[in-house]
Every structure is written in C-alpha cells, then in structure tokens.
PDB file of N, CA and C in Angstrom:
ATOM      1  N   MET A   1       4.539  30.158 -18.789  1.00  0.00           N
ATOM      2  CA  MET A   1       4.546  28.741 -18.498  1.00  0.00           C
ATOM      3  C   MET A   1       3.354  28.374 -17.623  1.00  0.00           C
ATOM      4  N   THR A   2       3.063  29.199 -16.611  1.00  0.00           N
ATOM      5  CA  THR A   2       1.961  28.914 -15.713  1.00  0.00           C
ATOM      6  C   THR A   2       0.627  29.004 -16.444  1.00  0.00           C
ATOM      7  N   GLU A   3       0.530  29.943 -17.362  1.00  0.00           N
ATOM      8  CA  GLU A   3      -0.713  30.088 -18.124  1.00  0.00           C
ATOM      9  C   GLU A   3      -0.964  28.861 -18.992  1.00  0.00           C
ATOM     10  N   ARG A   4       0.112  28.298 -19.544  1.00  0.00           N
ATOM     11  CA  ARG A   4      -0.015  27.105 -20.371  1.00  0.00           C
ATOM     12  C   ARG A   4      -0.476  25.905 -19.535  1.00  0.00           C
ATOM     13  N   LEU A   5       0.084  25.756 -18.320  1.00  0.00           N
ATOM     14  CA  LEU A   5      -0.335  24.666 -17.450  1.00  0.00           C
ATOM     15  C   LEU A   5      -1.787  24.826 -17.025  1.00  0.00           C
ATOM     16  N   ASN A   6      -2.214  26.046 -16.745  1.00  0.00           N
ATOM     17  CA  ASN A   6      -3.613  26.288 -16.393  1.00  0.00           C
ATOM     18  C   ASN A   6      -4.532  25.938 -17.551  1.00  0.00           C
ATOM     19  N   ASN A   7      -4.101  26.244 -18.767  1.00  0.00           N
ATOM     20  CA  ASN A   7      -4.896  25.939 -19.951  1.00  0.00           C
ATOM     21  C   ASN A   7      -5.006  24.425 -20.141  1.00  0.00           C
ATOM     22  N   ILE A   8      -3.896  23.713 -19.944  1.00  0.00           N
ATOM     23  CA  ILE A   8      -3.902  22.262 -20.110  1.00  0.00           C
ATOM     24  C   ILE A   8      -4.749  21.603 -19.025  1.00  0.00           C
ATOM     25  N   SER A   9      -4.594  22.047 -17.771  1.00  0.00           N
ATOM     26  CA  SER A   9      -5.380  21.441 -16.696  1.00  0.00           C
ATOM     27  C   SER A   9      -6.858  21.757 -16.835  1.00  0.00           C
ATOM     28  N   GLY A  10      -7.188  22.959 -17.319  1.00  0.00           N
ATOM     29  CA  GLY A  10      -8.589  23.299 -17.550  1.00  0.00           C
ATOM     30  C   GLY A  10      -9.203  22.443 -18.644  1.00  0.00           C
ATOM     31  N   THR A  11      -8.443  22.213 -19.703  1.00  0.00           N
ATOM     32  CA  THR A  11      -8.928  21.367 -20.793  1.00  0.00           C
ATOM     33  C   THR A  11      -9.113  19.931 -20.321  1.00  0.00           C
ATOM     34  N   ALA A  12      -8.176  19.427 -19.525  1.00  0.00           N
ATOM     35  CA  ALA A  12      -8.284  18.064 -19.005  1.00  0.00           C
ATOM     36  C   ALA A  12      -9.483  17.933 -18.078  1.00  0.00           C
ATOM     37  N   LEU A  13      -9.713  18.925 -17.234  1.00  0.00           N
ATOM     38  CA  LEU A  13     -10.852  18.889 -16.318  1.00  0.00           C
ATOM     39  C   LEU A  13     -12.165  18.943 -17.088  1.00  0.00           C
ATOM     40  N   LEU A  14     -12.243  19.790 -18.088  1.00  0.00           N
ATOM     41  CA  LEU A  14     -13.455  19.893 -18.896  1.00  0.00           C
ATOM     42  C   LEU A  14     -13.709  18.600 -19.668  1.00  0.00           C
ATOM     43  N   GLY A  15     -12.664  18.020 -20.231  1.00  0.00           N
ATOM     44  CA  GLY A  15     -12.811  16.773 -20.978  1.00  0.00           C
ATOM     45  C   GLY A  15     -13.238  15.618 -20.092  1.00  0.00           C
ATOM     46  N   SER A  16     -12.636  15.517 -18.895  1.00  0.00           N
ATOM     47  CA  SER A  16     -13.023  14.431 -18.001  1.00  0.00           C
ATOM     48  C   SER A  16     -14.433  14.625 -17.461  1.00  0.00           C
ATOM     49  N   THR A  17     -14.860  15.855 -17.271  1.00  0.00           N
ATOM     50  CA  THR A  17     -16.232  16.119 -16.825  1.00  0.00           C
ATOM     51  C   THR A  17     -17.229  15.670 -17.882  1.00  0.00           C
ATOM     52  N   PHE A  18     -16.979  16.022 -19.128  1.00  0.00           N
ATOM     53  CA  PHE A  18     -17.879  15.595 -20.203  1.00  0.00           C
ATOM     54  C   PHE A  18     -17.886  14.079 -20.343  1.00  0.00           C
ATOM     55  N   TYR A  19     -16.746  13.451 -20.154  1.00  0.00           N
ATOM     56  CA  TYR A  19     -16.666  11.993 -20.251  1.00  0.00           C
ATOM     57  C   TYR A  19     -17.500  11.333 -19.164  1.00  0.00           C
ATOM     58  N   LEU A  20     -17.390  11.820 -17.931  1.00  0.00           N
ATOM     59  CA  LEU A  20     -18.134  11.228 -16.826  1.00  0.00           C
ATOM     60  C   LEU A  20     -19.639  11.468 -16.940  1.00  0.00           C
ATOM     61  N   ILE A  21     -20.011  12.584 -17.517  1.00  0.00           N
ATOM     62  CA  ILE A  21     -21.439  12.876 -17.685  1.00  0.00           C
ATOM     63  C   ILE A  21     -22.047  12.005 -18.773  1.00  0.00           C
ATOM     64  N   SER A  22     -21.292  11.688 -19.793  1.00  0.00           N
ATOM     65  CA  SER A  22     -21.841  10.993 -20.954  1.00  0.00           C
ATOM     66  C   SER A  22     -21.852   9.469 -20.825  1.00  0.00           C
ATOM     67  N   ILE A  23     -21.403   8.919 -19.731  1.00  0.00           N
ATOM     68  CA  ILE A  23     -21.353   7.462 -19.587  1.00  0.00           C
ATOM     69  C   ILE A  23     -22.764   6.917 -19.386  1.00  0.00           C
ATOM     70  N   ASP A  24     -23.091   5.878 -20.146  1.00  0.00           N
ATOM     71  CA  ASP A  24     -24.380   5.213 -19.996  1.00  0.00           C
ATOM     72  C   ASP A  24     -24.334   4.279 -18.799  1.00  0.00           C
ATOM     73  N   PRO A  25     -25.455   4.082 -18.135  1.00  0.00           N
ATOM     74  CA  PRO A  25     -25.453   3.148 -17.000  1.00  0.00           C
ATOM     75  C   PRO A  25     -25.253   1.716 -17.499  1.00  0.00           C
ATOM     76  N   SER A  26     -24.503   0.956 -16.750  1.00  0.00           N
ATOM     77  CA  SER A  26     -24.305  -0.441 -17.113  1.00  0.00           C
ATOM     78  C   SER A  26     -25.151  -1.298 -16.186  1.00  0.00           C
ATOM     79  N   PHE A  27     -25.643  -2.372 -16.724  1.00  0.00           N
ATOM     80  CA  PHE A  27     -26.478  -3.279 -15.959  1.00  0.00           C
ATOM     81  C   PHE A  27     -25.649  -4.515 -15.635  1.00  0.00           C
ATOM     82  N   ALA A  28     -24.725  -4.336 -14.703  1.00  0.00           N
ATOM     83  CA  ALA A  28     -23.809  -5.406 -14.345  1.00  0.00           C
ATOM     84  C   ALA A  28     -24.415  -6.236 -13.223  1.00  0.00           C
ATOM     85  N   TYR A  29     -23.989  -7.477 -13.162  1.00  0.00           N
ATOM     86  CA  TYR A  29     -24.483  -8.388 -12.140  1.00  0.00           C
ATOM     87  C   TYR A  29     -23.310  -8.834 -11.291  1.00  0.00           C
ATOM     88  N   LEU A  30     -23.429  -8.672  -9.990  1.00  0.00           N
ATOM     89  CA  LEU A  30     -22.422  -9.162  -9.057  1.00  0.00           C
ATOM     90  C   LEU A  30     -23.008 -10.356  -8.326  1.00  0.00           C
ATOM     91  N   ASP A  31     -22.429 -11.504  -8.546  1.00  0.00           N
ATOM     92  CA  ASP A  31     -22.933 -12.701  -7.878  1.00  0.00           C
ATOM     93  C   ASP A  31     -22.420 -12.750  -6.439  1.00  0.00           C
ATOM     94  N   PRO A  32     -22.968 -13.619  -5.600  1.00  0.00           N
ATOM     95  CA  PRO A  32     -22.546 -13.686  -4.194  1.00  0.00           C
ATOM     96  C   PRO A  32     -21.069 -14.034  -4.010  1.00  0.00           C
ATOM     97  N   GLY A  33     -20.480 -14.727  -4.948  1.00  0.00           N
ATOM     98  CA  GLY A  33     -19.058 -15.065  -4.855  1.00  0.00           C
ATOM     99  C   GLY A  33     -18.159 -13.843  -4.984  1.00  0.00           C
ATOM    100  N   SER A  34     -18.638 -12.788  -5.625  1.00  0.00           N
ATOM    101  CA  SER A  34     -17.830 -11.579  -5.776  1.00  0.00           C
ATOM    102  C   SER A  34     -17.580 -10.907  -4.434  1.00  0.00           C
ATOM    103  N   GLY A  35     -18.574 -10.904  -3.576  1.00  0.00           N
ATOM    104  CA  GLY A  35     -18.410 -10.288  -2.264  1.00  0.00           C
ATOM    105  C   GLY A  35     -17.397 -11.026  -1.416  1.00  0.00           C
ATOM    106  N   SER A  36     -17.456 -12.354  -1.432  1.00  0.00           N
ATOM    107  CA  SER A  36     -16.496 -13.124  -0.649  1.00  0.00           C
ATOM    108  C   SER A  36     -15.097 -13.006  -1.242  1.00  0.00           C
ATOM    109  N   MET A  37     -14.988 -12.898  -2.551  1.00  0.00           N
ATOM    110  CA  MET A  37     -13.689 -12.712  -3.176  1.00  0.00           C
ATOM    111  C   MET A  37     -13.095 -11.362  -2.782  1.00  0.00           C
ATOM    112  N   LEU A  38     -13.921 -10.330  -2.764  1.00  0.00           N
ATOM    113  CA  LEU A  38     -13.461  -9.003  -2.367  1.00  0.00           C
ATOM    114  C   LEU A  38     -13.035  -8.998  -0.901  1.00  0.00           C
ATOM    115  N   LEU A  39     -13.813  -9.633  -0.039  1.00  0.00           N
ATOM    116  CA  LEU A  39     -13.469  -9.716   1.378  1.00  0.00           C
ATOM    117  C   LEU A  39     -12.164 -10.474   1.583  1.00  0.00           C
ATOM    118  N   THR A  40     -11.973 -11.566   0.869  1.00  0.00           N
ATOM    119  CA  THR A  40     -10.738 -12.340   0.966  1.00  0.00           C
ATOM    120  C   THR A  40      -9.538 -11.517   0.499  1.00  0.00           C
ATOM    121  N   ALA A  41      -9.705 -10.761  -0.564  1.00  0.00           N
ATOM    122  CA  ALA A  41      -8.618  -9.921  -1.062  1.00  0.00           C
ATOM    123  C   ALA A  41      -8.255  -8.838  -0.045  1.00  0.00           C
ATOM    124  N   ILE A  42      -9.252  -8.219   0.563  1.00  0.00           N
ATOM    125  CA  ILE A  42      -8.993  -7.176   1.561  1.00  0.00           C
ATOM    126  C   ILE A  42      -8.282  -7.764   2.774  1.00  0.00           C
ATOM    127  N   LEU A  43      -8.748  -8.918   3.250  1.00  0.00           N
ATOM    128  CA  LEU A  43      -8.107  -9.562   4.396  1.00  0.00           C
ATOM    129  C   LEU A  43      -6.680  -9.993   4.072  1.00  0.00           C
ATOM    130  N   GLY A  44      -6.451 -10.447   2.859  1.00  0.00           N
ATOM    131  CA  GLY A  44      -5.101 -10.834   2.448  1.00  0.00           C
ATOM    132  C   GLY A  44      -4.151  -9.653   2.409  1.00  0.00           C
ATOM    133  N   VAL A  45      -4.617  -8.526   1.899  1.00  0.00           N
ATOM    134  CA  VAL A  45      -3.784  -7.320   1.861  1.00  0.00           C
ATOM    135  C   VAL A  45      -3.479  -6.851   3.275  1.00  0.00           C
ATOM    136  N   MET A  46      -4.478  -6.909   4.160  1.00  0.00           N
ATOM    137  CA  MET A  46      -4.260  -6.498   5.554  1.00  0.00           C
ATOM    138  C   MET A  46      -3.251  -7.423   6.242  1.00  0.00           C
ATOM    139  N   ALA A  47      -3.339  -8.727   6.003  1.00  0.00           N
ATOM    140  CA  ALA A  47      -2.400  -9.673   6.608  1.00  0.00           C
ATOM    141  C   ALA A  47      -0.981  -9.446   6.080  1.00  0.00           C
ATOM    142  N   ALA A  48      -0.841  -9.217   4.795  1.00  0.00           N
ATOM    143  CA  ALA A  48       0.475  -8.975   4.216  1.00  0.00           C
ATOM    144  C   ALA A  48       1.080  -7.679   4.749  1.00  0.00           C
ATOM    145  N   ALA A  49       0.264  -6.642   4.877  1.00  0.00           N
ATOM    146  CA  ALA A  49       0.760  -5.368   5.411  1.00  0.00           C
ATOM    147  C   ALA A  49       1.174  -5.520   6.871  1.00  0.00           C
ATOM    148  N   THR A  50       0.392  -6.256   7.650  1.00  0.00           N
ATOM    149  CA  THR A  50       0.732  -6.473   9.053  1.00  0.00           C
ATOM    150  C   THR A  50       2.041  -7.237   9.181  1.00  0.00           C
ATOM    151  N   TYR A  51       2.214  -8.276   8.399  1.00  0.00           N
ATOM    152  CA  TYR A  51       3.430  -9.075   8.443  1.00  0.00           C
ATOM    153  C   TYR A  51       4.646  -8.242   8.034  1.00  0.00           C
ATOM    154  N   THR A  52       4.494  -7.424   7.009  1.00  0.00           N
ATOM    155  CA  THR A  52       5.587  -6.575   6.551  1.00  0.00           C
ATOM    156  C   THR A  52       5.960  -5.543   7.606  1.00  0.00           C
ATOM    157  N   LEU A  53       4.953  -4.886   8.188  1.00  0.00           N
ATOM    158  CA  LEU A  53       5.227  -3.881   9.219  1.00  0.00           C
ATOM    159  C   LEU A  53       5.857  -4.517  10.456  1.00  0.00           C
ATOM    160  N   LYS A  54       5.466  -5.745  10.784  1.00  0.00           N
ATOM    161  CA  LYS A  54       6.056  -6.447  11.918  1.00  0.00           C
ATOM    162  C   LYS A  54       7.540  -6.693  11.673  1.00  0.00           C
ATOM    163  N   GLY A  55       7.890  -7.074  10.467  1.00  0.00           N
ATOM    164  CA  GLY A  55       9.297  -7.280  10.126  1.00  0.00           C
ATOM    165  C   GLY A  55      10.106  -6.005  10.236  1.00  0.00           C
ATOM    166  N   TYR A  56       9.554  -4.896   9.733  1.00  0.00           N
ATOM    167  CA  TYR A  56      10.240  -3.612   9.848  1.00  0.00           C
ATOM    168  C   TYR A  56      10.368  -3.184  11.306  1.00  0.00           C
ATOM    169  N   PHE A  57       9.338  -3.461  12.112  1.00  0.00           N
ATOM    170  CA  PHE A  57       9.375  -3.108  13.521  1.00  0.00           C
ATOM    171  C   PHE A  57      10.486  -3.865  14.239  1.00  0.00           C
ATOM    172  N   TYR A  58      10.605  -5.162  13.973  1.00  0.00           N
ATOM    173  CA  TYR A  58      11.658  -5.955  14.620  1.00  0.00           C
ATOM    174  C   TYR A  58      13.045  -5.509  14.172  1.00  0.00           C
ATOM    175  N   ARG A  59      13.191  -5.129  12.924  1.00  0.00           N
ATOM    176  CA  ARG A  59      14.484  -4.623  12.460  1.00  0.00           C
ATOM    177  C   ARG A  59      14.837  -3.308  13.148  1.00  0.00           C
ATOM    178  N   ALA A  60      13.853  -2.429  13.291  1.00  0.00           N
ATOM    179  CA  ALA A  60      14.105  -1.135  13.931  1.00  0.00           C
ATOM    180  C   ALA A  60      14.421  -1.299  15.414  1.00  0.00           C
ATOM    181  N   THR A  61      13.719  -2.205  16.096  1.00  0.00           N
ATOM    182  CA  THR A  61      13.984  -2.394  17.522  1.00  0.00           C
ATOM    183  C   THR A  61      15.293  -3.135  17.755  1.00  0.00           C
ATOM    184  N   ALA A  62      15.757  -3.898  16.772  1.00  0.00           N
ATOM    185  CA  ALA A  62      17.030  -4.605  16.919  1.00  0.00           C
ATOM    186  C   ALA A  62      18.190  -3.619  17.005  1.00  0.00           C
ATOM    187  N   LEU A  63      18.024  -2.445  16.455  1.00  0.00           N
ATOM    188  CA  LEU A  63      19.088  -1.444  16.517  1.00  0.00           C
ATOM    189  C   LEU A  63      19.286  -0.919  17.931  1.00  0.00           C
ATOM    190  N   PHE A  64      18.241  -0.956  18.740  1.00  0.00           N
ATOM    191  CA  PHE A  64      18.288  -0.366  20.072  1.00  0.00           C
ATOM    192  C   PHE A  64      18.376  -1.397  21.196  1.00  0.00           C
ATOM    193  N   ARG A  65      18.457  -2.675  20.877  1.00  0.00           N
ATOM    194  CA  ARG A  65      18.555  -3.705  21.909  1.00  0.00           C
ATOM    195  C   ARG A  65      19.945  -3.713  22.535  1.00  0.00           C
ATOM    196  N   LYS A  66      20.004  -3.967  23.833  1.00  0.00           N
ATOM    197  CA  LYS A  66      21.287  -4.026  24.527  1.00  0.00           C
ATOM    198  C   LYS A  66      21.900  -5.416  24.476  1.00  0.00           C
ATOM    199  N   ASP A  67      21.101  -6.446  24.296  1.00  0.00           N
ATOM    200  CA  ASP A  67      21.610  -7.811  24.359  1.00  0.00           C
ATOM    201  C   ASP A  67      22.063  -8.368  23.019  1.00  0.00           C
ATOM    202  N   ARG A  68      22.315  -7.521  22.053  1.00  0.00           N
ATOM    203  CA  ARG A  68      22.786  -8.039  20.771  1.00  0.00           C
ATOM    204  C   ARG A  68      24.262  -8.417  20.873  1.00  0.00           C
ATOM    205  N   PRO A  69      24.707  -9.432  20.149  1.00  0.00           N
ATOM    206  CA  PRO A  69      26.103  -9.889  20.240  1.00  0.00           C
ATOM    207  C   PRO A  69      27.066  -8.860  19.655  1.00  0.00           C
ATOM    208  N   GLU A  70      28.282  -8.879  20.160  1.00  0.00           N
ATOM    209  CA  GLU A  70      29.321  -7.971  19.660  1.00  0.00           C
ATOM    210  C   GLU A  70      29.759  -8.402  18.264  1.00  0.00           C
ATOM    211  N   ALA A  71      30.285  -7.492  17.499  1.00  0.00           N
ATOM    212  CA  ALA A  71      30.684  -7.788  16.122  1.00  0.00           C
ATOM    213  C   ALA A  71      31.913  -8.678  16.067  1.00  0.00           C
ATOM    214  N   ASP A  72      32.827  -8.560  17.060  1.00  0.00           N
ATOM    215  CA  ASP A  72      34.047  -9.347  17.004  1.00  0.00           C
ATOM    216  C   ASP A  72      33.927 -10.696  17.713  1.00  0.00           C
ATOM    217  N   ALA A  73      32.822 -10.979  18.375  1.00  0.00           N
ATOM    218  CA  ALA A  73      32.643 -12.244  19.060  1.00  0.00           C
ATOM    219  C   ALA A  73      32.192 -13.311  18.072  1.00  0.00           C
ATOM    220  N   PRO A  74      32.636 -14.547  18.249  1.00  0.00           N
ATOM    221  CA  PRO A  74      32.170 -15.626  17.373  1.00  0.00           C
ATOM    222  C   PRO A  74      30.666 -15.864  17.561  1.00  0.00           C
ATOM    223  N   ALA A  75      30.058 -16.440  16.577  1.00  0.00           N
ATOM    224  CA  ALA A  75      28.608 -16.665  16.629  1.00  0.00           C
ATOM    225  C   ALA A  75      28.260 -17.590  17.777  1.00  0.00           C
ATOM    226  N   GLY A  76      27.235 -17.240  18.526  1.00  0.00           N
ATOM    227  CA  GLY A  76      26.791 -18.069  19.634  1.00  0.00           C
ATOM    228  C   GLY A  76      27.440 -17.734  20.960  1.00  0.00           C
ATOM    229  N   GLN A  77      28.456 -16.893  20.968  1.00  0.00           N
ATOM    230  CA  GLN A  77      29.115 -16.504  22.216  1.00  0.00           C
ATOM    231  C   GLN A  77      28.925 -15.013  22.437  1.00  0.00           C
ATOM    232  N   THR A  78      28.680 -14.659  23.701  1.00  0.00           N
ATOM    233  CA  THR A  78      28.530 -13.253  24.049  1.00  0.00           C
ATOM    234  C   THR A  78      29.534 -12.877  25.112  1.00  0.00           C
ATOM    235  N   LYS A  79      29.804 -11.596  25.244  1.00  0.00           N
ATOM    236  CA  LYS A  79      30.714 -11.117  26.289  1.00  0.00           C
ATOM    237  C   LYS A  79      30.037 -11.194  27.640  1.00  0.00           C
ATOM    238  N   ASP A  80      30.809 -11.516  28.677  1.00  0.00           N
ATOM    239  CA  ASP A  80      30.273 -11.545  30.046  1.00  0.00           C
ATOM    240  C   ASP A  80      30.658 -10.298  30.784  1.00  0.00           C
TER     241      ASP A  80
END
C-alpha cells in the first residue's frame, strides 16, 4: 500500500513540475484600481476576523465573570 502511494505521489509531483515548467509567460496588465481593490479586500478580511474574534473573546470571558445573573432569578434582578 505504501509503495502504491509513493508511486502516485511521485507521478503527481513529476506531472506538476512539468506543468509549471511549460507555462508560457502572460502579459497581464494590472491597473491602479486593482491595488486599491486588493488593499480593501485585505482590510475587510482583517476587520471581519477581528470582529469575530472579539465576539468569541466576550463569550469565553462571560463564562468566568462573577457578576452574571443567577439562572433562577428573573431577568433584570440579581441576588444581593
């Protein structure tokens, strides 16, 4: 079984190497708007990740807070 996997991975590596070597160069043009679009996308992903992690952080810290209301108390009232 291991010999078969080595044979398959070797064939895949050899095939991908030949594919990458044989690619012709492309003469693509990136206009100035592409850079700002990429920057906006990166900043958006960072903001979304920060907001998500902040939510998880508040949920995790809520488990360890001492001032959380008791389960049997009505909403808005706490034990004294």
